[in-house]
Amino acid sequence: MSANIYLLIKEILKGRQLSISGVTRELKDKGIDEHRLVMTGYLRALKDLKKLNEVEIPPSKVYSIVETGQNESGDIYSFISEHIKSVEPSFMIPVAVYVLSRTLDRPVFKEEVIKMGFSAKSLTDYLASANCAVTLADKIPKEYVTSITKIKIAPEGPAYELKNVNGNIIKHSNCILIKIVRSSVDISGLIPKTKSTTITDFE
Protein backbone atom coordinates (compact mmCIF):
# COMPACT_ATOMS: atom_id res chain seq x y z
CA MET A 1 0.00 0.00 0.00
CA SER A 2 1.28 3.47 -0.90
CA ALA A 3 3.12 5.29 1.88
CA ASN A 4 1.11 8.46 1.27
CA ILE A 5 -2.30 6.79 1.48
CA TYR A 6 -3.09 8.38 4.84
CA LEU A 7 -2.48 11.85 3.39
CA LEU A 8 -4.78 11.01 0.49
CA ILE A 9 -7.46 9.75 2.87
CA LYS A 10 -7.18 12.98 4.88
CA GLU A 11 -7.61 14.96 1.68
CA ILE A 12 -10.59 12.86 0.60
CA LEU A 13 -12.36 13.10 3.97
CA LYS A 14 -11.65 16.78 4.62
CA GLY A 15 -14.92 18.35 5.70
CA ARG A 16 -17.08 15.29 5.04
CA GLN A 17 -17.87 11.67 5.90
CA LEU A 18 -17.65 8.71 3.53
CA SER A 19 -18.35 5.00 3.66
CA ILE A 20 -15.63 2.41 3.02
CA SER A 21 -16.91 2.07 -0.53
CA GLY A 22 -16.81 5.83 -1.00
CA VAL A 23 -13.21 6.10 0.23
CA THR A 24 -12.14 3.10 -1.88
CA ARG A 25 -13.74 4.58 -4.99
CA GLU A 26 -12.11 7.99 -4.56
CA LEU A 27 -8.70 6.42 -3.90
CA LYS A 28 -9.11 4.44 -7.12
CA ASP A 29 -9.75 7.72 -8.95
CA LYS A 30 -6.40 8.91 -7.56
CA GLY A 31 -4.59 5.81 -8.84
CA ILE A 32 -4.71 3.60 -5.72
CA ASP A 33 -6.70 0.44 -6.35
CA GLU A 34 -6.99 -1.63 -3.18
CA HIS A 35 -9.46 -4.40 -2.36
CA ARG A 36 -12.36 -3.28 -0.20
CA LEU A 37 -11.38 -5.72 2.58
CA VAL A 38 -7.87 -4.26 2.69
CA MET A 39 -9.33 -0.75 2.95
CA THR A 40 -11.73 -1.90 5.67
CA GLY A 41 -8.81 -3.07 7.80
CA TYR A 42 -6.80 0.07 7.10
CA LEU A 43 -9.64 2.46 7.98
CA ARG A 44 -10.41 0.58 11.17
CA ALA A 45 -6.73 0.68 12.13
CA LEU A 46 -6.77 4.46 11.65
CA LYS A 47 -9.85 4.57 13.84
CA ASP A 48 -8.03 2.60 16.56
CA LEU A 49 -5.13 5.06 16.30
CA LYS A 50 -7.68 7.88 16.80
CA LYS A 51 -6.92 9.30 13.38
CA LEU A 52 -10.47 8.72 12.13
CA ASN A 53 -13.96 8.80 13.59
CA GLU A 54 -16.18 5.82 12.83
CA VAL A 55 -19.97 6.09 12.88
CA GLU A 56 -22.26 3.16 12.17
CA ILE A 57 -25.09 3.93 9.76
CA PRO A 58 -26.63 0.53 9.01
CA PRO A 59 -25.78 -1.39 6.99
CA SER A 60 -22.37 0.30 6.74
CA LYS A 61 -19.88 2.45 8.64
CA VAL A 62 -18.76 5.94 7.66
CA TYR A 63 -15.49 7.65 8.49
CA SER A 64 -14.37 11.22 9.06
CA ILE A 65 -11.12 12.89 10.09
CA VAL A 66 -10.64 13.40 13.82
CA GLU A 67 -10.53 17.13 14.54
CA THR A 68 -7.75 17.92 16.98
CA GLY A 69 -8.33 19.98 20.09
CA GLN A 70 -6.49 22.86 18.47
CA ASN A 71 -5.48 23.64 14.94
CA GLU A 72 -1.78 23.24 14.18
CA SER A 73 -0.82 26.87 14.63
CA GLY A 74 -2.94 27.20 17.77
CA ASP A 75 -4.42 30.67 17.16
CA ILE A 76 -7.87 31.95 16.36
CA TYR A 77 -6.78 33.75 13.19
CA SER A 78 -5.51 30.64 11.41
CA PHE A 79 -8.52 28.66 12.62
CA ILE A 80 -10.90 31.16 11.03
CA SER A 81 -8.66 31.39 7.94
CA GLU A 82 -8.92 27.62 7.49
CA HIS A 83 -12.69 27.39 7.87
CA ILE A 84 -13.63 30.62 6.09
CA LYS A 85 -12.74 28.89 2.81
CA SER A 86 -16.05 27.01 2.97
CA VAL A 87 -18.01 30.29 2.99
CA GLU A 88 -19.39 31.91 -0.14
CA PRO A 89 -16.78 34.46 -1.37
CA SER A 90 -19.09 37.47 -1.04
CA PHE A 91 -19.59 36.69 2.67
CA MET A 92 -16.03 35.76 3.63
CA ILE A 93 -14.88 39.12 5.04
CA PRO A 94 -18.06 40.00 6.97
CA VAL A 95 -18.28 36.48 8.40
CA ALA A 96 -14.60 36.55 9.46
CA VAL A 97 -15.08 39.98 11.09
CA TYR A 98 -18.30 38.88 12.79
CA VAL A 99 -16.85 35.60 14.14
CA LEU A 100 -13.70 37.25 15.50
CA SER A 101 -15.53 40.22 16.99
CA ARG A 102 -18.09 37.97 18.68
CA THR A 103 -15.35 35.68 19.99
CA LEU A 104 -13.16 38.52 21.33
CA ASP A 105 -16.04 40.88 22.20
CA ARG A 106 -14.48 43.89 20.47
CA PRO A 107 -13.99 45.39 16.98
CA VAL A 108 -11.53 43.75 14.60
CA PHE A 109 -8.38 45.58 13.52
CA LYS A 110 -7.14 45.73 9.94
CA GLU A 111 -4.04 43.70 10.87
CA GLU A 112 -6.31 40.95 12.17
CA VAL A 113 -8.34 40.83 8.97
CA ILE A 114 -5.08 40.37 7.04
CA LYS A 115 -3.96 37.71 9.51
CA MET A 116 -7.15 35.78 8.75
CA GLY A 117 -5.95 35.38 5.17
CA PHE A 118 -7.27 38.44 3.35
CA SER A 119 -5.07 40.84 1.41
CA ALA A 120 -5.18 44.57 2.09
CA LYS A 121 -6.52 45.07 -1.46
CA SER A 122 -9.36 42.55 -1.03
CA LEU A 123 -10.36 44.31 2.18
CA THR A 124 -10.28 47.72 0.48
CA ASP A 125 -12.30 46.41 -2.47
CA TYR A 126 -14.89 44.86 -0.18
CA LEU A 127 -15.25 48.04 1.89
CA ALA A 128 -15.94 49.97 -1.33
CA SER A 129 -18.49 47.45 -2.62
CA ALA A 130 -22.21 48.17 -2.74
CA ASN A 131 -23.08 45.21 -0.53
CA CYS A 132 -20.50 45.92 2.17
CA ALA A 133 -21.80 44.88 5.60
CA VAL A 134 -18.71 46.07 7.50
CA THR A 135 -18.12 49.55 8.85
CA LEU A 136 -15.37 51.40 10.69
CA ALA A 137 -15.76 51.21 14.45
CA ASP A 138 -16.67 54.66 15.82
CA LYS A 139 -14.25 54.82 18.72
CA ILE A 140 -11.50 52.40 19.73
CA PRO A 141 -10.62 52.47 23.43
CA LYS A 142 -6.86 52.69 23.93
CA GLU A 143 -6.87 49.56 26.09
CA TYR A 144 -8.08 47.51 23.11
CA VAL A 145 -4.82 48.24 21.31
CA THR A 146 -2.51 47.96 24.31
CA SER A 147 -4.05 44.68 25.47
CA ILE A 148 -3.26 42.92 22.20
CA THR A 149 0.19 41.37 22.56
CA LYS A 150 0.18 38.47 20.10
CA ILE A 151 0.32 40.65 17.00
CA LYS A 152 1.40 44.23 16.33
CA ILE A 153 -1.48 46.67 15.98
CA ALA A 154 -0.98 50.21 14.67
CA PRO A 155 -2.06 52.64 17.46
CA GLU A 156 -4.17 54.71 15.08
CA GLY A 157 -5.09 51.86 12.77
CA PRO A 158 -8.66 51.21 11.64
CA ALA A 159 -10.92 48.62 13.25
CA TYR A 160 -14.13 47.15 11.88
CA GLU A 161 -17.47 45.84 13.04
CA LEU A 162 -20.67 44.68 11.38
CA LYS A 163 -23.25 47.31 10.48
CA ASN A 164 -25.69 44.91 8.83
CA VAL A 165 -26.00 41.36 10.14
CA ASN A 166 -28.27 39.38 7.84
CA GLY A 167 -29.39 35.76 7.85
CA ASN A 168 -26.61 34.58 5.54
CA ILE A 169 -23.89 36.07 7.74
CA ILE A 170 -25.45 34.49 10.83
CA LYS A 171 -25.75 31.10 9.11
CA HIS A 172 -22.12 30.98 7.96
CA SER A 173 -20.84 32.43 11.23
CA ASN A 174 -22.71 29.89 13.33
CA CYS A 175 -21.06 27.03 11.45
CA ILE A 176 -17.60 28.39 12.25
CA LEU A 177 -18.47 29.27 15.86
CA ILE A 178 -19.74 25.72 16.43
CA LYS A 179 -16.43 24.35 15.15
CA ILE A 180 -14.57 26.66 17.55
CA VAL A 181 -16.63 25.35 20.46
CA ARG A 182 -16.13 21.73 19.43
CA SER A 183 -12.38 22.23 19.16
CA SER A 184 -12.20 23.90 22.58
CA VAL A 185 -14.01 21.35 24.76
CA ASP A 186 -14.01 17.59 25.17
CA ILE A 187 -17.28 16.25 23.78
CA SER A 188 -16.20 12.64 23.51
CA GLY A 189 -18.87 10.37 24.95
CA LEU A 190 -21.58 12.92 24.15
CA ILE A 191 -21.95 12.36 20.41
CA PRO A 192 -24.41 9.62 19.38
CA LYS A 193 -22.95 6.61 17.63
CA THR A 194 -25.74 6.61 15.06
CA LYS A 195 -27.52 9.41 13.25
CA SER A 196 -30.83 9.64 11.43
CA THR A 197 -29.01 9.55 8.11
CA THR A 198 -28.94 7.04 5.30
CA ILE A 199 -25.79 5.49 3.89
CA THR A 200 -26.55 7.02 0.49
CA ASP A 201 -25.53 10.38 1.95
CA PHE A 202 -21.94 9.15 2.18
CA GLU A 203 -21.51 7.19 -1.06
C-alpha atoms as a PDB file:
ATOM      1  CA  MET A   1       0.000   0.000   0.000  1.00  0.00           C
ATOM      2  CA  SER A   2       1.282   3.472  -0.904  1.00  0.00           C
ATOM      3  CA  ALA A   3       3.122   5.292   1.884  1.00  0.00           C
ATOM      4  CA  ASN A   4       1.111   8.459   1.269  1.00  0.00           C
ATOM      5  CA  ILE A   5      -2.305   6.791   1.483  1.00  0.00           C
ATOM      6  CA  TYR A   6      -3.090   8.384   4.839  1.00  0.00           C
ATOM      7  CA  LEU A   7      -2.477  11.853   3.388  1.00  0.00           C
ATOM      8  CA  LEU A   8      -4.782  11.009   0.491  1.00  0.00           C
ATOM      9  CA  ILE A   9      -7.464   9.752   2.867  1.00  0.00           C
ATOM     10  CA  LYS A  10      -7.179  12.976   4.884  1.00  0.00           C
ATOM     11  CA  GLU A  11      -7.613  14.961   1.680  1.00  0.00           C
ATOM     12  CA  ILE A  12     -10.595  12.855   0.599  1.00  0.00           C
ATOM     13  CA  LEU A  13     -12.355  13.098   3.971  1.00  0.00           C
ATOM     14  CA  LYS A  14     -11.651  16.775   4.616  1.00  0.00           C
ATOM     15  CA  GLY A  15     -14.919  18.347   5.699  1.00  0.00           C
ATOM     16  CA  ARG A  16     -17.085  15.287   5.040  1.00  0.00           C
ATOM     17  CA  GLN A  17     -17.865  11.673   5.899  1.00  0.00           C
ATOM     18  CA  LEU A  18     -17.645   8.707   3.529  1.00  0.00           C
ATOM     19  CA  SER A  19     -18.353   5.005   3.657  1.00  0.00           C
ATOM     20  CA  ILE A  20     -15.631   2.413   3.023  1.00  0.00           C
ATOM     21  CA  SER A  21     -16.911   2.066  -0.527  1.00  0.00           C
ATOM     22  CA  GLY A  22     -16.811   5.832  -1.005  1.00  0.00           C
ATOM     23  CA  VAL A  23     -13.209   6.095   0.230  1.00  0.00           C
ATOM     24  CA  THR A  24     -12.145   3.100  -1.876  1.00  0.00           C
ATOM     25  CA  ARG A  25     -13.743   4.580  -4.989  1.00  0.00           C
ATOM     26  CA  GLU A  26     -12.112   7.993  -4.556  1.00  0.00           C
ATOM     27  CA  LEU A  27      -8.703   6.422  -3.895  1.00  0.00           C
ATOM     28  CA  LYS A  28      -9.114   4.445  -7.117  1.00  0.00           C
ATOM     29  CA  ASP A  29      -9.753   7.722  -8.955  1.00  0.00           C
ATOM     30  CA  LYS A  30      -6.405   8.905  -7.560  1.00  0.00           C
ATOM     31  CA  GLY A  31      -4.586   5.813  -8.837  1.00  0.00           C
ATOM     32  CA  ILE A  32      -4.706   3.605  -5.718  1.00  0.00           C
ATOM     33  CA  ASP A  33      -6.703   0.437  -6.355  1.00  0.00           C
ATOM     34  CA  GLU A  34      -6.994  -1.626  -3.177  1.00  0.00           C
ATOM     35  CA  HIS A  35      -9.459  -4.398  -2.358  1.00  0.00           C
ATOM     36  CA  ARG A  36     -12.357  -3.284  -0.199  1.00  0.00           C
ATOM     37  CA  LEU A  37     -11.379  -5.720   2.581  1.00  0.00           C
ATOM     38  CA  VAL A  38      -7.875  -4.257   2.691  1.00  0.00           C
ATOM     39  CA  MET A  39      -9.330  -0.754   2.951  1.00  0.00           C
ATOM     40  CA  THR A  40     -11.733  -1.901   5.670  1.00  0.00           C
ATOM     41  CA  GLY A  41      -8.813  -3.071   7.797  1.00  0.00           C
ATOM     42  CA  TYR A  42      -6.804   0.073   7.100  1.00  0.00           C
ATOM     43  CA  LEU A  43      -9.636   2.461   7.978  1.00  0.00           C
ATOM     44  CA  ARG A  44     -10.413   0.576  11.174  1.00  0.00           C
ATOM     45  CA  ALA A  45      -6.730   0.685  12.126  1.00  0.00           C
ATOM     46  CA  LEU A  46      -6.769   4.464  11.646  1.00  0.00           C
ATOM     47  CA  LYS A  47      -9.855   4.573  13.843  1.00  0.00           C
ATOM     48  CA  ASP A  48      -8.025   2.596  16.557  1.00  0.00           C
ATOM     49  CA  LEU A  49      -5.132   5.060  16.298  1.00  0.00           C
ATOM     50  CA  LYS A  50      -7.676   7.877  16.802  1.00  0.00           C
ATOM     51  CA  LYS A  51      -6.921   9.304  13.377  1.00  0.00           C
ATOM     52  CA  LEU A  52     -10.467   8.720  12.125  1.00  0.00           C
ATOM     53  CA  ASN A  53     -13.964   8.801  13.586  1.00  0.00           C
ATOM     54  CA  GLU A  54     -16.183   5.820  12.828  1.00  0.00           C
ATOM     55  CA  VAL A  55     -19.966   6.086  12.877  1.00  0.00           C
ATOM     56  CA  GLU A  56     -22.264   3.163  12.171  1.00  0.00           C
ATOM     57  CA  ILE A  57     -25.093   3.927   9.765  1.00  0.00           C
ATOM     58  CA  PRO A  58     -26.630   0.527   9.012  1.00  0.00           C
ATOM     59  CA  PRO A  59     -25.785  -1.392   6.994  1.00  0.00           C
ATOM     60  CA  SER A  60     -22.375   0.301   6.745  1.00  0.00           C
ATOM     61  CA  LYS A  61     -19.882   2.451   8.644  1.00  0.00           C
ATOM     62  CA  VAL A  62     -18.765   5.936   7.660  1.00  0.00           C
ATOM     63  CA  TYR A  63     -15.492   7.655   8.486  1.00  0.00           C
ATOM     64  CA  SER A  64     -14.368  11.222   9.058  1.00  0.00           C
ATOM     65  CA  ILE A  65     -11.120  12.891  10.091  1.00  0.00           C
ATOM     66  CA  VAL A  66     -10.636  13.399  13.824  1.00  0.00           C
ATOM     67  CA  GLU A  67     -10.530  17.134  14.536  1.00  0.00           C
ATOM     68  CA  THR A  68      -7.746  17.917  16.975  1.00  0.00           C
ATOM     69  CA  GLY A  69      -8.326  19.977  20.089  1.00  0.00           C
ATOM     70  CA  GLN A  70      -6.487  22.861  18.471  1.00  0.00           C
ATOM     71  CA  ASN A  71      -5.482  23.638  14.940  1.00  0.00           C
ATOM     72  CA  GLU A  72      -1.778  23.243  14.177  1.00  0.00           C
ATOM     73  CA  SER A  73      -0.825  26.871  14.628  1.00  0.00           C
ATOM     74  CA  GLY A  74      -2.937  27.201  17.767  1.00  0.00           C
ATOM     75  CA  ASP A  75      -4.416  30.670  17.159  1.00  0.00           C
ATOM     76  CA  ILE A  76      -7.875  31.946  16.361  1.00  0.00           C
ATOM     77  CA  TYR A  77      -6.775  33.747  13.190  1.00  0.00           C
ATOM     78  CA  SER A  78      -5.506  30.639  11.409  1.00  0.00           C
ATOM     79  CA  PHE A  79      -8.521  28.663  12.616  1.00  0.00           C
ATOM     80  CA  ILE A  80     -10.899  31.164  11.026  1.00  0.00           C
ATOM     81  CA  SER A  81      -8.661  31.387   7.942  1.00  0.00           C
ATOM     82  CA  GLU A  82      -8.921  27.622   7.489  1.00  0.00           C
ATOM     83  CA  HIS A  83     -12.693  27.390   7.866  1.00  0.00           C
ATOM     84  CA  ILE A  84     -13.635  30.615   6.090  1.00  0.00           C
ATOM     85  CA  LYS A  85     -12.744  28.886   2.806  1.00  0.00           C
ATOM     86  CA  SER A  86     -16.053  27.008   2.975  1.00  0.00           C
ATOM     87  CA  VAL A  87     -18.012  30.290   2.993  1.00  0.00           C
ATOM     88  CA  GLU A  88     -19.394  31.913  -0.144  1.00  0.00           C
ATOM     89  CA  PRO A  89     -16.782  34.456  -1.372  1.00  0.00           C
ATOM     90  CA  SER A  90     -19.091  37.467  -1.040  1.00  0.00           C
ATOM     91  CA  PHE A  91     -19.588  36.688   2.672  1.00  0.00           C
ATOM     92  CA  MET A  92     -16.026  35.764   3.634  1.00  0.00           C
ATOM     93  CA  ILE A  93     -14.884  39.116   5.037  1.00  0.00           C
ATOM     94  CA  PRO A  94     -18.063  40.002   6.971  1.00  0.00           C
ATOM     95  CA  VAL A  95     -18.280  36.479   8.398  1.00  0.00           C
ATOM     96  CA  ALA A  96     -14.605  36.555   9.458  1.00  0.00           C
ATOM     97  CA  VAL A  97     -15.080  39.975  11.095  1.00  0.00           C
ATOM     98  CA  TYR A  98     -18.295  38.878  12.793  1.00  0.00           C
ATOM     99  CA  VAL A  99     -16.852  35.604  14.139  1.00  0.00           C
ATOM    100  CA  LEU A 100     -13.697  37.246  15.499  1.00  0.00           C
ATOM    101  CA  SER A 101     -15.533  40.222  16.992  1.00  0.00           C
ATOM    102  CA  ARG A 102     -18.089  37.967  18.681  1.00  0.00           C
ATOM    103  CA  THR A 103     -15.352  35.681  19.986  1.00  0.00           C
ATOM    104  CA  LEU A 104     -13.163  38.517  21.334  1.00  0.00           C
ATOM    105  CA  ASP A 105     -16.037  40.881  22.200  1.00  0.00           C
ATOM    106  CA  ARG A 106     -14.475  43.889  20.468  1.00  0.00           C
ATOM    107  CA  PRO A 107     -13.992  45.392  16.983  1.00  0.00           C
ATOM    108  CA  VAL A 108     -11.529  43.745  14.604  1.00  0.00           C
ATOM    109  CA  PHE A 109      -8.380  45.585  13.521  1.00  0.00           C
ATOM    110  CA  LYS A 110      -7.143  45.732   9.943  1.00  0.00           C
ATOM    111  CA  GLU A 111      -4.041  43.705  10.868  1.00  0.00           C
ATOM    112  CA  GLU A 112      -6.312  40.954  12.173  1.00  0.00           C
ATOM    113  CA  VAL A 113      -8.339  40.833   8.971  1.00  0.00           C
ATOM    114  CA  ILE A 114      -5.084  40.374   7.045  1.00  0.00           C
ATOM    115  CA  LYS A 115      -3.955  37.715   9.510  1.00  0.00           C
ATOM    116  CA  MET A 116      -7.151  35.785   8.751  1.00  0.00           C
ATOM    117  CA  GLY A 117      -5.954  35.379   5.172  1.00  0.00           C
ATOM    118  CA  PHE A 118      -7.267  38.439   3.350  1.00  0.00           C
ATOM    119  CA  SER A 119      -5.070  40.843   1.411  1.00  0.00           C
ATOM    120  CA  ALA A 120      -5.184  44.570   2.089  1.00  0.00           C
ATOM    121  CA  LYS A 121      -6.519  45.066  -1.456  1.00  0.00           C
ATOM    122  CA  SER A 122      -9.359  42.546  -1.032  1.00  0.00           C
ATOM    123  CA  LEU A 123     -10.364  44.313   2.179  1.00  0.00           C
ATOM    124  CA  THR A 124     -10.275  47.719   0.476  1.00  0.00           C
ATOM    125  CA  ASP A 125     -12.296  46.410  -2.475  1.00  0.00           C
ATOM    126  CA  TYR A 126     -14.892  44.855  -0.180  1.00  0.00           C
ATOM    127  CA  LEU A 127     -15.254  48.042   1.891  1.00  0.00           C
ATOM    128  CA  ALA A 128     -15.941  49.967  -1.330  1.00  0.00           C
ATOM    129  CA  SER A 129     -18.487  47.446  -2.623  1.00  0.00           C
ATOM    130  CA  ALA A 130     -22.208  48.174  -2.737  1.00  0.00           C
ATOM    131  CA  ASN A 131     -23.083  45.208  -0.526  1.00  0.00           C
ATOM    132  CA  CYS A 132     -20.498  45.920   2.171  1.00  0.00           C
ATOM    133  CA  ALA A 133     -21.805  44.881   5.601  1.00  0.00           C
ATOM    134  CA  VAL A 134     -18.709  46.069   7.501  1.00  0.00           C
ATOM    135  CA  THR A 135     -18.121  49.548   8.845  1.00  0.00           C
ATOM    136  CA  LEU A 136     -15.373  51.396  10.693  1.00  0.00           C
ATOM    137  CA  ALA A 137     -15.756  51.212  14.455  1.00  0.00           C
ATOM    138  CA  ASP A 138     -16.667  54.661  15.824  1.00  0.00           C
ATOM    139  CA  LYS A 139     -14.250  54.815  18.722  1.00  0.00           C
ATOM    140  CA  ILE A 140     -11.504  52.401  19.729  1.00  0.00           C
ATOM    141  CA  PRO A 141     -10.616  52.465  23.433  1.00  0.00           C
ATOM    142  CA  LYS A 142      -6.863  52.685  23.930  1.00  0.00           C
ATOM    143  CA  GLU A 143      -6.866  49.558  26.090  1.00  0.00           C
ATOM    144  CA  TYR A 144      -8.084  47.511  23.114  1.00  0.00           C
ATOM    145  CA  VAL A 145      -4.820  48.242  21.310  1.00  0.00           C
ATOM    146  CA  THR A 146      -2.510  47.960  24.313  1.00  0.00           C
ATOM    147  CA  SER A 147      -4.052  44.685  25.474  1.00  0.00           C
ATOM    148  CA  ILE A 148      -3.261  42.917  22.196  1.00  0.00           C
ATOM    149  CA  THR A 149       0.185  41.367  22.562  1.00  0.00           C
ATOM    150  CA  LYS A 150       0.177  38.466  20.097  1.00  0.00           C
ATOM    151  CA  ILE A 151       0.316  40.654  17.000  1.00  0.00           C
ATOM    152  CA  LYS A 152       1.403  44.234  16.333  1.00  0.00           C
ATOM    153  CA  ILE A 153      -1.475  46.675  15.976  1.00  0.00           C
ATOM    154  CA  ALA A 154      -0.978  50.213  14.675  1.00  0.00           C
ATOM    155  CA  PRO A 155      -2.057  52.645  17.463  1.00  0.00           C
ATOM    156  CA  GLU A 156      -4.171  54.712  15.083  1.00  0.00           C
ATOM    157  CA  GLY A 157      -5.085  51.862  12.765  1.00  0.00           C
ATOM    158  CA  PRO A 158      -8.660  51.209  11.636  1.00  0.00           C
ATOM    159  CA  ALA A 159     -10.920  48.621  13.246  1.00  0.00           C
ATOM    160  CA  TYR A 160     -14.126  47.147  11.882  1.00  0.00           C
ATOM    161  CA  GLU A 161     -17.468  45.838  13.038  1.00  0.00           C
ATOM    162  CA  LEU A 162     -20.667  44.677  11.380  1.00  0.00           C
ATOM    163  CA  LYS A 163     -23.246  47.306  10.481  1.00  0.00           C
ATOM    164  CA  ASN A 164     -25.691  44.911   8.829  1.00  0.00           C
ATOM    165  CA  VAL A 165     -26.000  41.361  10.139  1.00  0.00           C
ATOM    166  CA  ASN A 166     -28.270  39.376   7.838  1.00  0.00           C
ATOM    167  CA  GLY A 167     -29.385  35.761   7.853  1.00  0.00           C
ATOM    168  CA  ASN A 168     -26.606  34.579   5.539  1.00  0.00           C
ATOM    169  CA  ILE A 169     -23.886  36.075   7.736  1.00  0.00           C
ATOM    170  CA  ILE A 170     -25.448  34.489  10.834  1.00  0.00           C
ATOM    171  CA  LYS A 171     -25.751  31.103   9.114  1.00  0.00           C
ATOM    172  CA  HIS A 172     -22.120  30.976   7.964  1.00  0.00           C
ATOM    173  CA  SER A 173     -20.835  32.431  11.234  1.00  0.00           C
ATOM    174  CA  ASN A 174     -22.709  29.890  13.331  1.00  0.00           C
ATOM    175  CA  CYS A 175     -21.063  27.028  11.449  1.00  0.00           C
ATOM    176  CA  ILE A 176     -17.599  28.391  12.247  1.00  0.00           C
ATOM    177  CA  LEU A 177     -18.471  29.269  15.858  1.00  0.00           C
ATOM    178  CA  ILE A 178     -19.741  25.720  16.428  1.00  0.00           C
ATOM    179  CA  LYS A 179     -16.427  24.354  15.150  1.00  0.00           C
ATOM    180  CA  ILE A 180     -14.575  26.664  17.546  1.00  0.00           C
ATOM    181  CA  VAL A 181     -16.634  25.354  20.461  1.00  0.00           C
ATOM    182  CA  ARG A 182     -16.130  21.729  19.426  1.00  0.00           C
ATOM    183  CA  SER A 183     -12.381  22.225  19.162  1.00  0.00           C
ATOM    184  CA  SER A 184     -12.204  23.896  22.576  1.00  0.00           C
ATOM    185  CA  VAL A 185     -14.005  21.353  24.758  1.00  0.00           C
ATOM    186  CA  ASP A 186     -14.006  17.592  25.167  1.00  0.00           C
ATOM    187  CA  ILE A 187     -17.278  16.252  23.778  1.00  0.00           C
ATOM    188  CA  SER A 188     -16.200  12.637  23.511  1.00  0.00           C
ATOM    189  CA  GLY A 189     -18.868  10.367  24.945  1.00  0.00           C
ATOM    190  CA  LEU A 190     -21.577  12.920  24.149  1.00  0.00           C
ATOM    191  CA  ILE A 191     -21.949  12.356  20.410  1.00  0.00           C
ATOM    192  CA  PRO A 192     -24.407   9.618  19.378  1.00  0.00           C
ATOM    193  CA  LYS A 193     -22.949   6.607  17.632  1.00  0.00           C
ATOM    194  CA  THR A 194     -25.742   6.606  15.063  1.00  0.00           C
ATOM    195  CA  LYS A 195     -27.520   9.412  13.247  1.00  0.00           C
ATOM    196  CA  SER A 196     -30.826   9.637  11.429  1.00  0.00           C
ATOM    197  CA  THR A 197     -29.007   9.548   8.113  1.00  0.00           C
ATOM    198  CA  THR A 198     -28.942   7.040   5.302  1.00  0.00           C
ATOM    199  CA  ILE A 199     -25.793   5.489   3.892  1.00  0.00           C
ATOM    200  CA  THR A 200     -26.548   7.022   0.492  1.00  0.00           C
ATOM    201  CA  ASP A 201     -25.527  10.382   1.946  1.00  0.00           C
ATOM    202  CA  PHE A 202     -21.943   9.149   2.182  1.00  0.00           C
ATOM    203  CA  GLU A 203     -21.511   7.189  -1.058  1.00  0.00           C
END
